[in-house]
All heavy atoms as atom14 arrays in JSON, in Angstrom:
{
  "sequence": "FTIELRASSGGISNNIIFRLSINGTPLATKQIEYQTFVTAANIEVDLV",
  "atom14_mask": [
    [1, 1, 1, 1, 1, 1, 1, 1, 1, 1, 1, 0, 0, 0],
    [1, 1, 1, 1, 1, 1, 1, 0, 0, 0, 0, 0, 0, 0],
    [1, 1, 1, 1, 1, 1, 1, 1, 0, 0, 0, 0, 0, 0],
    [1, 1, 1, 1, 1, 1, 1, 1, 1, 0, 0, 0, 0, 0],
    [1, 1, 1, 1, 1, 1, 1, 1, 0, 0, 0, 0, 0, 0],
    [1, 1, 1, 1, 1, 1, 1, 1, 1, 1, 1, 0, 0, 0],
    [1, 1, 1, 1, 1, 0, 0, 0, 0, 0, 0, 0, 0, 0],
    [1, 1, 1, 1, 1, 1, 0, 0, 0, 0, 0, 0, 0, 0],
    [1, 1, 1, 1, 1, 1, 0, 0, 0, 0, 0, 0, 0, 0],
    [1, 1, 1, 1, 0, 0, 0, 0, 0, 0, 0, 0, 0, 0],
    [1, 1, 1, 1, 0, 0, 0, 0, 0, 0, 0, 0, 0, 0],
    [1, 1, 1, 1, 1, 1, 1, 1, 0, 0, 0, 0, 0, 0],
    [1, 1, 1, 1, 1, 1, 0, 0, 0, 0, 0, 0, 0, 0],
    [1, 1, 1, 1, 1, 1, 1, 1, 0, 0, 0, 0, 0, 0],
    [1, 1, 1, 1, 1, 1, 1, 1, 0, 0, 0, 0, 0, 0],
    [1, 1, 1, 1, 1, 1, 1, 1, 0, 0, 0, 0, 0, 0],
    [1, 1, 1, 1, 1, 1, 1, 1, 0, 0, 0, 0, 0, 0],
    [1, 1, 1, 1, 1, 1, 1, 1, 1, 1, 1, 0, 0, 0],
    [1, 1, 1, 1, 1, 1, 1, 1, 1, 1, 1, 0, 0, 0],
    [1, 1, 1, 1, 1, 1, 1, 1, 0, 0, 0, 0, 0, 0],
    [1, 1, 1, 1, 1, 1, 0, 0, 0, 0, 0, 0, 0, 0],
    [1, 1, 1, 1, 1, 1, 1, 1, 0, 0, 0, 0, 0, 0],
    [1, 1, 1, 1, 1, 1, 1, 1, 0, 0, 0, 0, 0, 0],
    [1, 1, 1, 1, 0, 0, 0, 0, 0, 0, 0, 0, 0, 0],
    [1, 1, 1, 1, 1, 1, 1, 0, 0, 0, 0, 0, 0, 0],
    [1, 1, 1, 1, 1, 1, 1, 0, 0, 0, 0, 0, 0, 0],
    [1, 1, 1, 1, 1, 1, 1, 1, 0, 0, 0, 0, 0, 0],
    [1, 1, 1, 1, 1, 0, 0, 0, 0, 0, 0, 0, 0, 0],
    [1, 1, 1, 1, 1, 1, 1, 0, 0, 0, 0, 0, 0, 0],
    [1, 1, 1, 1, 1, 1, 1, 1, 1, 0, 0, 0, 0, 0],
    [1, 1, 1, 1, 1, 1, 1, 1, 1, 0, 0, 0, 0, 0],
    [1, 1, 1, 1, 1, 1, 1, 1, 0, 0, 0, 0, 0, 0],
    [1, 1, 1, 1, 1, 1, 1, 1, 1, 0, 0, 0, 0, 0],
    [1, 1, 1, 1, 1, 1, 1, 1, 1, 1, 1, 1, 0, 0],
    [1, 1, 1, 1, 1, 1, 1, 1, 1, 0, 0, 0, 0, 0],
    [1, 1, 1, 1, 1, 1, 1, 0, 0, 0, 0, 0, 0, 0],
    [1, 1, 1, 1, 1, 1, 1, 1, 1, 1, 1, 0, 0, 0],
    [1, 1, 1, 1, 1, 1, 1, 0, 0, 0, 0, 0, 0, 0],
    [1, 1, 1, 1, 1, 1, 1, 0, 0, 0, 0, 0, 0, 0],
    [1, 1, 1, 1, 1, 0, 0, 0, 0, 0, 0, 0, 0, 0],
    [1, 1, 1, 1, 1, 0, 0, 0, 0, 0, 0, 0, 0, 0],
    [1, 1, 1, 1, 1, 1, 1, 1, 0, 0, 0, 0, 0, 0],
    [1, 1, 1, 1, 1, 1, 1, 1, 0, 0, 0, 0, 0, 0],
    [1, 1, 1, 1, 1, 1, 1, 1, 1, 0, 0, 0, 0, 0],
    [1, 1, 1, 1, 1, 1, 1, 0, 0, 0, 0, 0, 0, 0],
    [1, 1, 1, 1, 1, 1, 1, 1, 0, 0, 0, 0, 0, 0],
    [1, 1, 1, 1, 1, 1, 1, 1, 0, 0, 0, 0, 0, 0],
    [1, 1, 1, 1, 1, 1, 1, 0, 0, 0, 0, 0, 0, 0]
  ],
  "atom14_positions": [
    [[-35.34, -53.03, -9.39], [-35.41, -51.87, -10.23], [-36.54, -52.3, -11.41], [-36.42, -53.3, -11.9], [-34.06, -51.66, -10.95], [-34.13, -50.81, -12.05], [-34.39, -49.38, -12.08], [-33.8, -51.19, -13.5], [-34.54, -48.63, -13.08], [-33.86, -50.36, -14.44], [-34.22, -49.07, -14.37], [0.0, 0.0, 0.0], [0.0, 0.0, 0.0], [0.0, 0.0, 0.0]],
    [[-37.42, -51.32, -11.6], [-38.56, -51.5, -12.55], [-38.48, -50.31, -13.35], [-38.4, -49.19, -12.85], [-39.81, -51.72, -11.92], [-39.75, -52.82, -11.05], [-40.9, -52.03, -12.88], [0.0, 0.0, 0.0], [0.0, 0.0, 0.0], [0.0, 0.0, 0.0], [0.0, 0.0, 0.0], [0.0, 0.0, 0.0], [0.0, 0.0, 0.0], [0.0, 0.0, 0.0]],
    [[-38.81, -50.46, -14.78], [-38.87, -49.3, -15.69], [-39.8, -49.59, -16.89], [-39.75, -50.72, -17.37], [-37.5, -48.78, -16.08], [-37.47, -47.41, -16.75], [-36.83, -49.84, -16.92], [-36.14, -46.77, -16.85], [0.0, 0.0, 0.0], [0.0, 0.0, 0.0], [0.0, 0.0, 0.0], [0.0, 0.0, 0.0], [0.0, 0.0, 0.0], [0.0, 0.0, 0.0]],
    [[-40.54, -48.56, -17.27], [-41.34, -48.66, -18.48], [-40.65, -48.05, -19.57], [-40.31, -46.93, -19.5], [-42.68, -47.99, -18.17], [-43.61, -48.12, -19.29], [-44.98, -47.59, -18.95], [-45.8, -48.12, -18.1], [-45.32, -46.46, -19.47], [0.0, 0.0, 0.0], [0.0, 0.0, 0.0], [0.0, 0.0, 0.0], [0.0, 0.0, 0.0], [0.0, 0.0, 0.0]],
    [[-40.44, -48.77, -20.72], [-39.67, -48.34, -21.81], [-40.56, -48.06, -23.0], [-41.46, -48.86, -23.27], [-38.55, -49.2, -22.26], [-37.59, -49.49, -21.11], [-36.69, -50.7, -21.53], [-36.76, -48.33, -20.8], [0.0, 0.0, 0.0], [0.0, 0.0, 0.0], [0.0, 0.0, 0.0], [0.0, 0.0, 0.0], [0.0, 0.0, 0.0], [0.0, 0.0, 0.0]],
    [[-40.32, -46.95, -23.85], [-41.0, -46.72, -25.18], [-40.02, -46.54, -26.18], [-39.19, -45.76, -26.15], [-41.82, -45.32, -24.91], [-42.82, -45.45, -23.79], [-43.58, -44.09, -23.7], [-44.47, -44.07, -22.54], [-45.57, -44.69, -22.41], [-46.09, -45.35, -23.46], [-46.33, -44.55, -21.39], [0.0, 0.0, 0.0], [0.0, 0.0, 0.0], [0.0, 0.0, 0.0]],
    [[-40.17, -47.52, -27.22], [-39.34, -47.41, -28.31], [-40.14, -47.01, -29.47], [-41.32, -47.43, -29.65], [-38.76, -48.76, -28.65], [0.0, 0.0, 0.0], [0.0, 0.0, 0.0], [0.0, 0.0, 0.0], [0.0, 0.0, 0.0], [0.0, 0.0, 0.0], [0.0, 0.0, 0.0], [0.0, 0.0, 0.0], [0.0, 0.0, 0.0], [0.0, 0.0, 0.0]],
    [[-39.7, -46.0, -30.32], [-40.6, -45.47, -31.31], [-39.96, -45.28, -32.66], [-40.53, -44.68, -33.54], [-41.08, -44.03, -30.9], [-40.09, -43.26, -30.61], [0.0, 0.0, 0.0], [0.0, 0.0, 0.0], [0.0, 0.0, 0.0], [0.0, 0.0, 0.0], [0.0, 0.0, 0.0], [0.0, 0.0, 0.0], [0.0, 0.0, 0.0], [0.0, 0.0, 0.0]],
    [[-38.65, -45.62, -32.84], [-38.07, -45.43, -34.16], [-38.48, -46.58, -35.11], [-38.32, -47.84, -34.75], [-36.64, -45.29, -34.07], [-36.11, -46.51, -33.48], [0.0, 0.0, 0.0], [0.0, 0.0, 0.0], [0.0, 0.0, 0.0], [0.0, 0.0, 0.0], [0.0, 0.0, 0.0], [0.0, 0.0, 0.0], [0.0, 0.0, 0.0], [0.0, 0.0, 0.0]],
    [[-39.13, -46.29, -36.26], [-39.53, -47.36, -37.1], [-38.29, -47.76, -38.07], [-37.44, -46.98, -38.54], [0.0, 0.0, 0.0], [0.0, 0.0, 0.0], [0.0, 0.0, 0.0], [0.0, 0.0, 0.0], [0.0, 0.0, 0.0], [0.0, 0.0, 0.0], [0.0, 0.0, 0.0], [0.0, 0.0, 0.0], [0.0, 0.0, 0.0], [0.0, 0.0, 0.0]],
    [[-38.23, -49.02, -38.18], [-37.32, -49.73, -39.06], [-35.94, -49.79, -38.62], [-35.06, -50.25, -39.34], [0.0, 0.0, 0.0], [0.0, 0.0, 0.0], [0.0, 0.0, 0.0], [0.0, 0.0, 0.0], [0.0, 0.0, 0.0], [0.0, 0.0, 0.0], [0.0, 0.0, 0.0], [0.0, 0.0, 0.0], [0.0, 0.0, 0.0], [0.0, 0.0, 0.0]],
    [[-35.68, -49.57, -37.32], [-34.3, -49.72, -36.75], [-34.44, -50.5, -35.46], [-35.45, -50.59, -34.84], [-33.42, -48.43, -36.68], [-34.08, -47.53, -35.74], [-33.35, -47.81, -37.96], [-33.17, -46.36, -35.27], [0.0, 0.0, 0.0], [0.0, 0.0, 0.0], [0.0, 0.0, 0.0], [0.0, 0.0, 0.0], [0.0, 0.0, 0.0], [0.0, 0.0, 0.0]],
    [[-33.22, -51.06, -35.18], [-33.1, -51.79, -33.82], [-33.15, -50.76, -32.71], [-32.21, -49.85, -32.78], [-32.02, -52.7, -33.86], [-31.95, -53.41, -32.67], [0.0, 0.0, 0.0], [0.0, 0.0, 0.0], [0.0, 0.0, 0.0], [0.0, 0.0, 0.0], [0.0, 0.0, 0.0], [0.0, 0.0, 0.0], [0.0, 0.0, 0.0], [0.0, 0.0, 0.0]],
    [[-33.69, -50.92, -31.57], [-33.64, -50.14, -30.39], [-33.08, -51.1, -29.23], [-33.55, -52.17, -29.01], [-35.09, -49.77, -29.95], [-35.68, -48.83, -31.02], [-35.31, -47.56, -31.07], [-36.48, -49.39, -31.87], [0.0, 0.0, 0.0], [0.0, 0.0, 0.0], [0.0, 0.0, 0.0], [0.0, 0.0, 0.0], [0.0, 0.0, 0.0], [0.0, 0.0, 0.0]],
    [[-32.04, -50.53, -28.56], [-31.5, -51.33, -27.57], [-30.96, -50.42, -26.41], [-30.51, -49.29, -26.58], [-30.18, -52.01, -28.2], [-29.44, -52.95, -27.19], [-30.2, -53.74, -26.51], [-28.25, -53.03, -27.21], [0.0, 0.0, 0.0], [0.0, 0.0, 0.0], [0.0, 0.0, 0.0], [0.0, 0.0, 0.0], [0.0, 0.0, 0.0], [0.0, 0.0, 0.0]],
    [[-31.24, -50.9, -25.23], [-30.77, -50.23, -24.06], [-30.33, -51.17, -22.93], [-30.91, -52.32, -22.82], [-31.79, -49.27, -23.5], [-31.22, -48.35, -22.42], [-33.04, -50.01, -23.04], [-32.14, -47.25, -22.09], [0.0, 0.0, 0.0], [0.0, 0.0, 0.0], [0.0, 0.0, 0.0], [0.0, 0.0, 0.0], [0.0, 0.0, 0.0], [0.0, 0.0, 0.0]],
    [[-29.22, -50.84, -22.3], [-28.7, -51.73, -21.17], [-28.56, -50.88, -19.85], [-27.95, -49.73, -19.84], [-27.28, -52.2, -21.5], [-27.41, -53.14, -22.73], [-26.74, -53.04, -20.37], [-25.99, -53.62, -23.22], [0.0, 0.0, 0.0], [0.0, 0.0, 0.0], [0.0, 0.0, 0.0], [0.0, 0.0, 0.0], [0.0, 0.0, 0.0], [0.0, 0.0, 0.0]],
    [[-29.33, -51.34, -18.83], [-29.17, -50.79, -17.54], [-28.29, -51.65, -16.57], [-28.51, -52.89, -16.75], [-30.53, -50.65, -16.85], [-31.53, -49.86, -17.63], [-32.43, -50.43, -18.5], [-31.5, -48.46, -17.61], [-33.28, -49.66, -19.18], [-32.56, -47.67, -18.21], [-33.38, -48.36, -19.05], [0.0, 0.0, 0.0], [0.0, 0.0, 0.0], [0.0, 0.0, 0.0]],
    [[-27.53, -51.06, -15.73], [-26.76, -51.98, -14.79], [-27.0, -51.26, -13.38], [-26.83, -50.13, -13.28], [-25.33, -52.01, -15.08], [-24.95, -52.86, -16.27], [-23.52, -53.17, -16.46], [-23.34, -54.06, -17.65], [-22.19, -54.03, -18.3], [-21.18, -53.2, -18.0], [-22.01, -54.76, -19.31], [0.0, 0.0, 0.0], [0.0, 0.0, 0.0], [0.0, 0.0, 0.0]],
    [[-27.09, -52.15, -12.42], [-27.09, -51.71, -11.04], [-25.72, -51.18, -10.69], [-24.73, -51.8, -11.19], [-27.54, -52.79, -10.16], [-27.92, -52.5, -8.76], [-29.19, -51.58, -8.84], [-28.31, -53.77, -7.94], [0.0, 0.0, 0.0], [0.0, 0.0, 0.0], [0.0, 0.0, 0.0], [0.0, 0.0, 0.0], [0.0, 0.0, 0.0], [0.0, 0.0, 0.0]],
    [[-25.52, -50.13, -10.09], [-24.23, -49.48, -9.8], [-24.07, -49.36, -8.34], [-25.05, -48.78, -7.62], [-24.24, -48.1, -10.49], [-23.13, -47.39, -10.01], [0.0, 0.0, 0.0], [0.0, 0.0, 0.0], [0.0, 0.0, 0.0], [0.0, 0.0, 0.0], [0.0, 0.0, 0.0], [0.0, 0.0, 0.0], [0.0, 0.0, 0.0], [0.0, 0.0, 0.0]],
    [[-23.04, -49.78, -7.77], [-22.69, -49.6, -6.38], [-21.44, -48.62, -6.29], [-20.38, -49.08, -6.83], [-22.33, -50.83, -5.68], [-23.5, -51.97, -5.89], [-22.09, -50.79, -4.22], [-24.82, -51.57, -5.44], [0.0, 0.0, 0.0], [0.0, 0.0, 0.0], [0.0, 0.0, 0.0], [0.0, 0.0, 0.0], [0.0, 0.0, 0.0], [0.0, 0.0, 0.0]],
    [[-21.6, -47.62, -5.58], [-20.46, -46.53, -5.41], [-19.95, -46.2, -6.66], [-18.71, -46.1, -6.89], [-19.39, -47.18, -4.5], [-19.97, -47.51, -3.1], [-20.87, -46.76, -2.57], [-19.61, -48.58, -2.47], [0.0, 0.0, 0.0], [0.0, 0.0, 0.0], [0.0, 0.0, 0.0], [0.0, 0.0, 0.0], [0.0, 0.0, 0.0], [0.0, 0.0, 0.0]],
    [[-20.79, -46.06, -7.78], [-20.32, -45.57, -9.09], [-19.73, -46.66, -9.95], [-19.47, -46.35, -11.07], [0.0, 0.0, 0.0], [0.0, 0.0, 0.0], [0.0, 0.0, 0.0], [0.0, 0.0, 0.0], [0.0, 0.0, 0.0], [0.0, 0.0, 0.0], [0.0, 0.0, 0.0], [0.0, 0.0, 0.0], [0.0, 0.0, 0.0], [0.0, 0.0, 0.0]],
    [[-19.78, -47.85, -9.51], [-19.15, -48.97, -10.41], [-20.47, -49.82, -10.84], [-20.94, -50.45, -10.08], [-18.31, -49.84, -9.64], [-17.19, -49.05, -9.11], [-17.66, -50.97, -10.52], [0.0, 0.0, 0.0], [0.0, 0.0, 0.0], [0.0, 0.0, 0.0], [0.0, 0.0, 0.0], [0.0, 0.0, 0.0], [0.0, 0.0, 0.0], [0.0, 0.0, 0.0]],
    [[-20.72, -49.76, -12.23], [-21.83, -50.67, -12.63], [-21.42, -52.06, -12.58], [-20.26, -52.54, -12.99], [-21.86, -50.22, -14.2], [-21.25, -48.83, -14.2], [-20.28, -48.88, -13.22], [0.0, 0.0, 0.0], [0.0, 0.0, 0.0], [0.0, 0.0, 0.0], [0.0, 0.0, 0.0], [0.0, 0.0, 0.0], [0.0, 0.0, 0.0], [0.0, 0.0, 0.0]],
    [[-22.29, -52.93, -12.06], [-22.19, -54.28, -11.99], [-22.48, -55.1, -13.2], [-23.68, -55.22, -13.47], [-22.89, -54.86, -10.83], [-22.62, -54.16, -9.42], [-23.54, -54.65, -8.36], [-21.09, -54.22, -9.05], [0.0, 0.0, 0.0], [0.0, 0.0, 0.0], [0.0, 0.0, 0.0], [0.0, 0.0, 0.0], [0.0, 0.0, 0.0], [0.0, 0.0, 0.0]],
    [[-21.59, -55.73, -13.86], [-21.94, -56.41, -15.2], [-22.81, -57.54, -15.02], [-23.55, -57.82, -15.99], [-20.59, -56.83, -15.89], [0.0, 0.0, 0.0], [0.0, 0.0, 0.0], [0.0, 0.0, 0.0], [0.0, 0.0, 0.0], [0.0, 0.0, 0.0], [0.0, 0.0, 0.0], [0.0, 0.0, 0.0], [0.0, 0.0, 0.0], [0.0, 0.0, 0.0]],
    [[-22.81, -58.16, -13.91], [-23.77, -59.3, -13.72], [-25.18, -58.87, -13.17], [-26.04, -59.81, -12.98], [-23.19, -60.29, -12.66], [-22.93, -59.63, -11.33], [-21.71, -60.86, -13.16], [0.0, 0.0, 0.0], [0.0, 0.0, 0.0], [0.0, 0.0, 0.0], [0.0, 0.0, 0.0], [0.0, 0.0, 0.0], [0.0, 0.0, 0.0], [0.0, 0.0, 0.0]],
    [[-25.4, -57.62, -13.01], [-26.7, -57.15, -12.41], [-27.31, -56.19, -13.41], [-27.37, -54.95, -13.22], [-26.46, -56.37, -11.13], [-25.67, -57.16, -10.09], [-26.47, -58.46, -9.58], [-25.58, -59.16, -8.5], [-25.8, -60.51, -8.48], [0.0, 0.0, 0.0], [0.0, 0.0, 0.0], [0.0, 0.0, 0.0], [0.0, 0.0, 0.0], [0.0, 0.0, 0.0]],
    [[-27.71, -56.76, -14.66], [-28.1, -55.81, -15.65], [-29.4, -56.21, -16.28], [-29.74, -57.39, -16.12], [-27.02, -55.61, -16.85], [-26.97, -56.81, -17.76], [-25.81, -56.5, -18.87], [-25.03, -55.56, -18.66], [-26.01, -57.16, -19.98], [0.0, 0.0, 0.0], [0.0, 0.0, 0.0], [0.0, 0.0, 0.0], [0.0, 0.0, 0.0], [0.0, 0.0, 0.0]],
    [[-30.14, -55.25, -16.97], [-31.27, -55.47, -17.83], [-30.82, -55.06, -19.21], [-30.37, -53.89, -19.28], [-32.53, -54.73, -17.31], [-32.95, -55.18, -15.93], [-33.59, -54.84, -18.33], [-33.99, -54.31, -15.41], [0.0, 0.0, 0.0], [0.0, 0.0, 0.0], [0.0, 0.0, 0.0], [0.0, 0.0, 0.0], [0.0, 0.0, 0.0], [0.0, 0.0, 0.0]],
    [[-31.0, -55.96, -20.17], [-30.81, -55.53, -21.48], [-32.08, -55.69, -22.16], [-32.81, -56.77, -22.19], [-29.75, -56.46, -22.22], [-29.48, -55.99, -23.62], [-28.31, -56.71, -24.23], [-27.67, -57.5, -23.62], [-28.07, -56.29, -25.48], [0.0, 0.0, 0.0], [0.0, 0.0, 0.0], [0.0, 0.0, 0.0], [0.0, 0.0, 0.0], [0.0, 0.0, 0.0]],
    [[-32.5, -54.57, -22.87], [-33.84, -54.59, -23.64], [-33.45, -54.25, -25.13], [-32.72, -53.32, -25.45], [-34.69, -53.54, -23.07], [-35.98, -53.14, -23.73], [-37.07, -54.06, -23.65], [-35.98, -52.07, -24.79], [-38.26, -53.79, -24.45], [-37.18, -51.91, -25.39], [-38.25, -52.67, -25.33], [-39.41, -52.42, -25.93], [0.0, 0.0, 0.0], [0.0, 0.0, 0.0]],
    [[-34.09, -55.13, -25.98], [-33.91, -54.88, -27.41], [-35.17, -55.12, -28.18], [-35.95, -56.08, -27.8], [-32.78, -55.91, -27.99], [-32.46, -55.56, -29.45], [-31.25, -56.41, -29.71], [-30.94, -57.39, -29.13], [-30.58, -56.01, -30.81], [0.0, 0.0, 0.0], [0.0, 0.0, 0.0], [0.0, 0.0, 0.0], [0.0, 0.0, 0.0], [0.0, 0.0, 0.0]],
    [[-35.51, -54.33, -29.05], [-36.68, -54.45, -29.82], [-36.54, -53.88, -31.16], [-35.69, -52.9, -31.33], [-37.95, -53.84, -29.16], [-39.12, -54.2, -29.95], [-37.82, -52.39, -28.99], [0.0, 0.0, 0.0], [0.0, 0.0, 0.0], [0.0, 0.0, 0.0], [0.0, 0.0, 0.0], [0.0, 0.0, 0.0], [0.0, 0.0, 0.0], [0.0, 0.0, 0.0]],
    [[-37.38, -54.27, -32.09], [-37.31, -53.77, -33.58], [-38.77, -53.26, -33.78], [-39.76, -54.0, -33.68], [-37.0, -54.8, -34.54], [-36.94, -54.37, -35.92], [-35.63, -53.71, -36.45], [-37.98, -54.4, -36.84], [-35.6, -53.19, -37.72], [-37.87, -53.9, -38.16], [-36.64, -53.3, -38.49], [0.0, 0.0, 0.0], [0.0, 0.0, 0.0], [0.0, 0.0, 0.0]],
    [[-38.87, -51.98, -33.99], [-40.16, -51.39, -34.16], [-40.39, -51.07, -35.63], [-39.54, -50.44, -36.25], [-40.2, -49.95, -33.37], [-41.65, -49.44, -33.47], [-39.98, -50.3, -31.88], [0.0, 0.0, 0.0], [0.0, 0.0, 0.0], [0.0, 0.0, 0.0], [0.0, 0.0, 0.0], [0.0, 0.0, 0.0], [0.0, 0.0, 0.0], [0.0, 0.0, 0.0]],
    [[-41.58, -51.54, -36.22], [-41.78, -51.41, -37.58], [-42.5, -49.9, -37.8], [-43.33, -49.52, -36.89], [-42.68, -52.4, -38.17], [-43.87, -52.56, -37.42], [-41.92, -53.77, -38.01], [0.0, 0.0, 0.0], [0.0, 0.0, 0.0], [0.0, 0.0, 0.0], [0.0, 0.0, 0.0], [0.0, 0.0, 0.0], [0.0, 0.0, 0.0], [0.0, 0.0, 0.0]],
    [[-42.26, -49.39, -38.91], [-42.97, -48.15, -39.39], [-43.07, -47.17, -38.26], [-42.24, -46.71, -37.54], [-44.19, -48.57, -39.99], [0.0, 0.0, 0.0], [0.0, 0.0, 0.0], [0.0, 0.0, 0.0], [0.0, 0.0, 0.0], [0.0, 0.0, 0.0], [0.0, 0.0, 0.0], [0.0, 0.0, 0.0], [0.0, 0.0, 0.0], [0.0, 0.0, 0.0]],
    [[-44.24, -46.7, -38.02], [-44.55, -45.6, -37.18], [-45.15, -46.07, -35.79], [-45.78, -45.34, -35.14], [-45.52, -44.54, -37.81], [0.0, 0.0, 0.0], [0.0, 0.0, 0.0], [0.0, 0.0, 0.0], [0.0, 0.0, 0.0], [0.0, 0.0, 0.0], [0.0, 0.0, 0.0], [0.0, 0.0, 0.0], [0.0, 0.0, 0.0], [0.0, 0.0, 0.0]],
    [[-45.01, -47.38, -35.45], [-45.41, -47.88, -34.28], [-44.71, -47.54, -33.01], [-43.49, -47.08, -33.19], [-45.45, -49.38, -34.25], [-46.38, -49.96, -35.33], [-47.3, -49.29, -35.7], [-46.11, -51.15, -35.91], [0.0, 0.0, 0.0], [0.0, 0.0, 0.0], [0.0, 0.0, 0.0], [0.0, 0.0, 0.0], [0.0, 0.0, 0.0], [0.0, 0.0, 0.0]],
    [[-45.28, -47.53, -31.97], [-44.6, -47.24, -30.62], [-44.78, -48.6, -29.76], [-45.97, -49.08, -29.55], [-45.14, -46.12, -29.92], [-45.0, -44.83, -30.7], [-44.56, -46.01, -28.47], [-45.62, -43.64, -30.08], [0.0, 0.0, 0.0], [0.0, 0.0, 0.0], [0.0, 0.0, 0.0], [0.0, 0.0, 0.0], [0.0, 0.0, 0.0], [0.0, 0.0, 0.0]],
    [[-43.66, -49.09, -29.27], [-43.7, -50.39, -28.39], [-43.37, -49.87, -27.01], [-42.48, -49.18, -26.71], [-42.7, -51.33, -28.95], [-42.83, -52.6, -28.22], [-42.09, -53.77, -28.93], [-41.98, -53.71, -30.16], [-41.42, -54.55, -28.11], [0.0, 0.0, 0.0], [0.0, 0.0, 0.0], [0.0, 0.0, 0.0], [0.0, 0.0, 0.0], [0.0, 0.0, 0.0]],
    [[-44.3, -50.42, -26.08], [-44.19, -50.06, -24.75], [-44.0, -51.35, -23.88], [-44.77, -52.33, -24.09], [-45.39, -49.25, -24.14], [-45.23, -48.96, -22.68], [-45.59, -48.01, -24.84], [0.0, 0.0, 0.0], [0.0, 0.0, 0.0], [0.0, 0.0, 0.0], [0.0, 0.0, 0.0], [0.0, 0.0, 0.0], [0.0, 0.0, 0.0], [0.0, 0.0, 0.0]],
    [[-42.92, -51.35, -23.18], [-42.68, -52.65, -22.32], [-42.25, -52.28, -20.96], [-41.5, -51.2, -20.7], [-41.55, -53.47, -22.99], [-41.98, -54.19, -24.28], [-42.95, -55.04, -24.21], [-41.4, -53.82, -25.32], [0.0, 0.0, 0.0], [0.0, 0.0, 0.0], [0.0, 0.0, 0.0], [0.0, 0.0, 0.0], [0.0, 0.0, 0.0], [0.0, 0.0, 0.0]],
    [[-42.48, -53.2, -19.86], [-42.12, -52.93, -18.56], [-41.08, -54.01, -18.36], [-41.29, -55.21, -18.6], [-43.3, -53.08, -17.66], [-43.13, -52.96, -16.18], [-42.7, -51.54, -15.85], [-44.27, -53.42, -15.36], [0.0, 0.0, 0.0], [0.0, 0.0, 0.0], [0.0, 0.0, 0.0], [0.0, 0.0, 0.0], [0.0, 0.0, 0.0], [0.0, 0.0, 0.0]],
    [[-39.89, -53.49, -17.91], [-38.9, -54.56, -17.45], [-38.55, -54.37, -16.02], [-38.64, -53.24, -15.48], [-37.64, -54.37, -18.41], [-37.97, -54.79, -19.86], [-37.0, -53.04, -18.31], [0.0, 0.0, 0.0], [0.0, 0.0, 0.0], [0.0, 0.0, 0.0], [0.0, 0.0, 0.0], [0.0, 0.0, 0.0], [0.0, 0.0, 0.0], [0.0, 0.0, 0.0]]
  ]
}
């Protein structure tokens, strides 16, 4: 699983968690957690 994320809120923490899901059950050990702090009016782009 690959995804490009864009965080754009200035002055607050941005956080997202993705989990691989099998038959509707998210697997806690198969996750991507992305966290960033964006300052002012910047936009941060990352590939995870």
